[in-house]
Amino acid sequence: MSQQYSIEQIPVNFNKIIQEMEKGEQIEITQQGKQIGVIISTAEYEKLLNKTLSFWESIERFRQEYNVEAAEIDPDEIFARVRDKSPGRQQVTAMMHLPFRTMR
């Protein structure tokens, strides 16, 4: 949930705004009732700057943000029933016999 402050309220509430921002909250700045800006943490700002991460970078970031090992997830148990073990569809192959021509 984001907090909202007018330009006039910023000097009086500066310490509170910084604390809220450090907690990850977005701070909306208004002037005459219209939103004119947002204060966000450096971490949120960097996420916005690096919108297009490579697949591997995304995995690494996920691993840093979430302690997957502590979740005690067993991949073998989770994916055991994912694969379809049905025989699938039957393939029909046909050989076409075309006359063989040599080029002269």
C-alpha atoms as a PDB file:
ATOM      1  CA  MET A   1       0.000   0.000   0.000  1.00  0.00           C
ATOM      2  CA  SER A   2       1.423   3.371  -0.908  1.00  0.00           C
ATOM      3  CA  GLN A   3       1.348   6.481   1.231  1.00  0.00           C
ATOM      4  CA  GLN A   4       0.532   9.884  -0.180  1.00  0.00           C
ATOM      5  CA  TYR A   5       2.061  13.227   0.807  1.00  0.00           C
ATOM      6  CA  SER A   6       1.648  16.684  -0.601  1.00  0.00           C
ATOM      7  CA  ILE A   7       4.681  18.829  -1.377  1.00  0.00           C
ATOM      8  CA  GLU A   8       3.958  20.864   1.748  1.00  0.00           C
ATOM      9  CA  GLN A   9       3.937  17.734   3.975  1.00  0.00           C
ATOM     10  CA  ILE A  10       7.335  16.408   2.854  1.00  0.00           C
ATOM     11  CA  PRO A  11       9.613  18.585   5.056  1.00  0.00           C
ATOM     12  CA  VAL A  12       7.546  17.857   8.163  1.00  0.00           C
ATOM     13  CA  ASN A  13       7.334  14.088   7.489  1.00  0.00           C
ATOM     14  CA  PHE A  14      10.715  13.515   5.850  1.00  0.00           C
ATOM     15  CA  ASN A  15      11.995  10.951   8.400  1.00  0.00           C
ATOM     16  CA  LYS A  16       8.723   9.032   8.306  1.00  0.00           C
ATOM     17  CA  ILE A  17       8.758   9.036   4.485  1.00  0.00           C
ATOM     18  CA  ILE A  18      12.302   7.623   4.437  1.00  0.00           C
ATOM     19  CA  GLN A  19      11.360   4.874   6.910  1.00  0.00           C
ATOM     20  CA  GLU A  20       8.320   3.901   4.842  1.00  0.00           C
ATOM     21  CA  MET A  21      10.370   3.892   1.660  1.00  0.00           C
ATOM     22  CA  GLU A  22      13.012   1.663   3.286  1.00  0.00           C
ATOM     23  CA  LYS A  23      10.243  -0.820   4.162  1.00  0.00           C
ATOM     24  CA  GLY A  24       9.460  -1.062   0.458  1.00  0.00           C
ATOM     25  CA  GLU A  25       6.446   1.209   0.370  1.00  0.00           C
ATOM     26  CA  GLN A  26       5.912   3.563  -2.534  1.00  0.00           C
ATOM     27  CA  ILE A  27       5.430   7.178  -1.555  1.00  0.00           C
ATOM     28  CA  GLU A  28       3.198   9.240  -3.813  1.00  0.00           C
ATOM     29  CA  ILE A  29       3.932  12.970  -4.015  1.00  0.00           C
ATOM     30  CA  THR A  30       1.065  15.298  -4.852  1.00  0.00           C
ATOM     31  CA  GLN A  31       0.762  18.952  -5.680  1.00  0.00           C
ATOM     32  CA  GLN A  32      -2.636  20.614  -5.613  1.00  0.00           C
ATOM     33  CA  GLY A  33      -4.265  17.163  -5.427  1.00  0.00           C
ATOM     34  CA  LYS A  34      -2.516  15.754  -8.503  1.00  0.00           C
ATOM     35  CA  GLN A  35       0.134  13.064  -8.339  1.00  0.00           C
ATOM     36  CA  ILE A  36       3.426  14.467  -9.604  1.00  0.00           C
ATOM     37  CA  GLY A  37       5.916  11.840  -8.500  1.00  0.00           C
ATOM     38  CA  VAL A  38       6.738   8.683  -6.597  1.00  0.00           C
ATOM     39  CA  ILE A  39       9.547   7.926  -4.151  1.00  0.00           C
ATOM     40  CA  ILE A  40      10.736   4.323  -4.255  1.00  0.00           C
ATOM     41  CA  SER A  41      13.618   2.386  -2.723  1.00  0.00           C
ATOM     42  CA  THR A  42      16.850   1.836  -4.593  1.00  0.00           C
ATOM     43  CA  ALA A  43      16.014  -1.870  -4.957  1.00  0.00           C
ATOM     44  CA  GLU A  44      12.686  -1.048  -6.617  1.00  0.00           C
ATOM     45  CA  TYR A  45      14.389   1.530  -8.831  1.00  0.00           C
ATOM     46  CA  GLU A  46      16.984  -1.008  -9.989  1.00  0.00           C
ATOM     47  CA  LYS A  47      14.208  -3.480 -10.812  1.00  0.00           C
ATOM     48  CA  LEU A  48      12.639  -0.850 -13.039  1.00  0.00           C
ATOM     49  CA  LEU A  49      15.934  -0.063 -14.748  1.00  0.00           C
ATOM     50  CA  ASN A  50      16.691  -3.727 -15.397  1.00  0.00           C
ATOM     51  CA  LYS A  51      13.325  -4.710 -16.841  1.00  0.00           C
ATOM     52  CA  THR A  52      14.772  -7.130 -19.344  1.00  0.00           C
ATOM     53  CA  LEU A  53      16.874  -9.659 -17.506  1.00  0.00           C
ATOM     54  CA  SER A  54      18.190 -12.731 -19.220  1.00  0.00           C
ATOM     55  CA  PHE A  55      16.661 -16.051 -18.248  1.00  0.00           C
ATOM     56  CA  TRP A  56      19.683 -16.973 -16.124  1.00  0.00           C
ATOM     57  CA  GLU A  57      19.738 -13.551 -14.398  1.00  0.00           C
ATOM     58  CA  SER A  58      16.066 -13.993 -13.542  1.00  0.00           C
ATOM     59  CA  ILE A  59      16.752 -17.377 -11.981  1.00  0.00           C
ATOM     60  CA  GLU A  60      19.663 -15.976  -9.983  1.00  0.00           C
ATOM     61  CA  ARG A  61      17.557 -13.050  -8.734  1.00  0.00           C
ATOM     62  CA  PHE A  62      14.770 -15.460  -7.752  1.00  0.00           C
ATOM     63  CA  ARG A  63      17.260 -17.592  -5.814  1.00  0.00           C
ATOM     64  CA  GLN A  64      18.565 -14.510  -4.008  1.00  0.00           C
ATOM     65  CA  GLU A  65      15.097 -13.261  -3.065  1.00  0.00           C
ATOM     66  CA  TYR A  66      13.626 -16.619  -2.024  1.00  0.00           C
ATOM     67  CA  ASN A  67      15.383 -19.272   0.008  1.00  0.00           C
ATOM     68  CA  VAL A  68      14.323 -22.258  -2.081  1.00  0.00           C
ATOM     69  CA  GLU A  69      16.416 -24.728  -0.059  1.00  0.00           C
ATOM     70  CA  ALA A  70      14.588 -23.761   3.144  1.00  0.00           C
ATOM     71  CA  ALA A  71      11.246 -24.557   1.487  1.00  0.00           C
ATOM     72  CA  GLU A  72      12.193 -28.264   1.454  1.00  0.00           C
ATOM     73  CA  ILE A  73      10.744 -28.823  -1.996  1.00  0.00           C
ATOM     74  CA  ASP A  74      11.367 -32.239  -3.535  1.00  0.00           C
ATOM     75  CA  PRO A  75      11.413 -31.776  -7.341  1.00  0.00           C
ATOM     76  CA  ASP A  76      11.039 -35.526  -7.932  1.00  0.00           C
ATOM     77  CA  GLU A  77       7.843 -35.550  -5.913  1.00  0.00           C
ATOM     78  CA  ILE A  78       6.434 -32.438  -7.573  1.00  0.00           C
ATOM     79  CA  PHE A  79       7.182 -33.460 -11.156  1.00  0.00           C
ATOM     80  CA  ALA A  80       6.503 -37.211 -10.774  1.00  0.00           C
ATOM     81  CA  ARG A  81       3.032 -37.000 -12.313  1.00  0.00           C
ATOM     82  CA  VAL A  82       3.726 -34.221 -14.818  1.00  0.00           C
ATOM     83  CA  ARG A  83       4.933 -36.331 -17.735  1.00  0.00           C
ATOM     84  CA  ASP A  84       2.229 -37.858 -19.873  1.00  0.00           C
ATOM     85  CA  LYS A  85       3.033 -41.567 -20.009  1.00  0.00           C
ATOM     86  CA  SER A  86       0.402 -42.419 -22.601  1.00  0.00           C
ATOM     87  CA  PRO A  87       1.726 -43.972 -25.815  1.00  0.00           C
ATOM     88  CA  GLY A  88       0.789 -40.900 -27.838  1.00  0.00           C
ATOM     89  CA  ARG A  89      -0.473 -40.916 -31.366  1.00  0.00           C
ATOM     90  CA  GLN A  90       0.514 -43.439 -33.948  1.00  0.00           C
ATOM     91  CA  GLN A  91       2.731 -42.249 -36.747  1.00  0.00           C
ATOM     92  CA  VAL A  92       2.032 -43.251 -40.296  1.00  0.00           C
ATOM     93  CA  THR A  93       4.879 -42.996 -42.718  1.00  0.00           C
ATOM     94  CA  ALA A  94       4.408 -43.338 -46.423  1.00  0.00           C
ATOM     95  CA  MET A  95       7.094 -43.773 -48.984  1.00  0.00           C
ATOM     96  CA  MET A  96       6.519 -42.088 -52.266  1.00  0.00           C
ATOM     97  CA  HIS A  97       8.153 -43.678 -55.273  1.00  0.00           C
ATOM     98  CA  LEU A  98       9.039 -41.064 -57.820  1.00  0.00           C
ATOM     99  CA  PRO A  99      10.783 -41.803 -61.056  1.00  0.00           C
ATOM    100  CA  PHE A 100      14.488 -41.179 -60.820  1.00  0.00           C
ATOM    101  CA  ARG A 101      15.888 -38.873 -63.485  1.00  0.00           C
ATOM    102  CA  THR A 102      19.475 -38.179 -64.155  1.00  0.00           C
ATOM    103  CA  MET A 103      20.591 -34.821 -65.343  1.00  0.00           C
ATOM    104  CA  ARG A 104      22.713 -34.642 -68.471  1.00  0.00           C
END
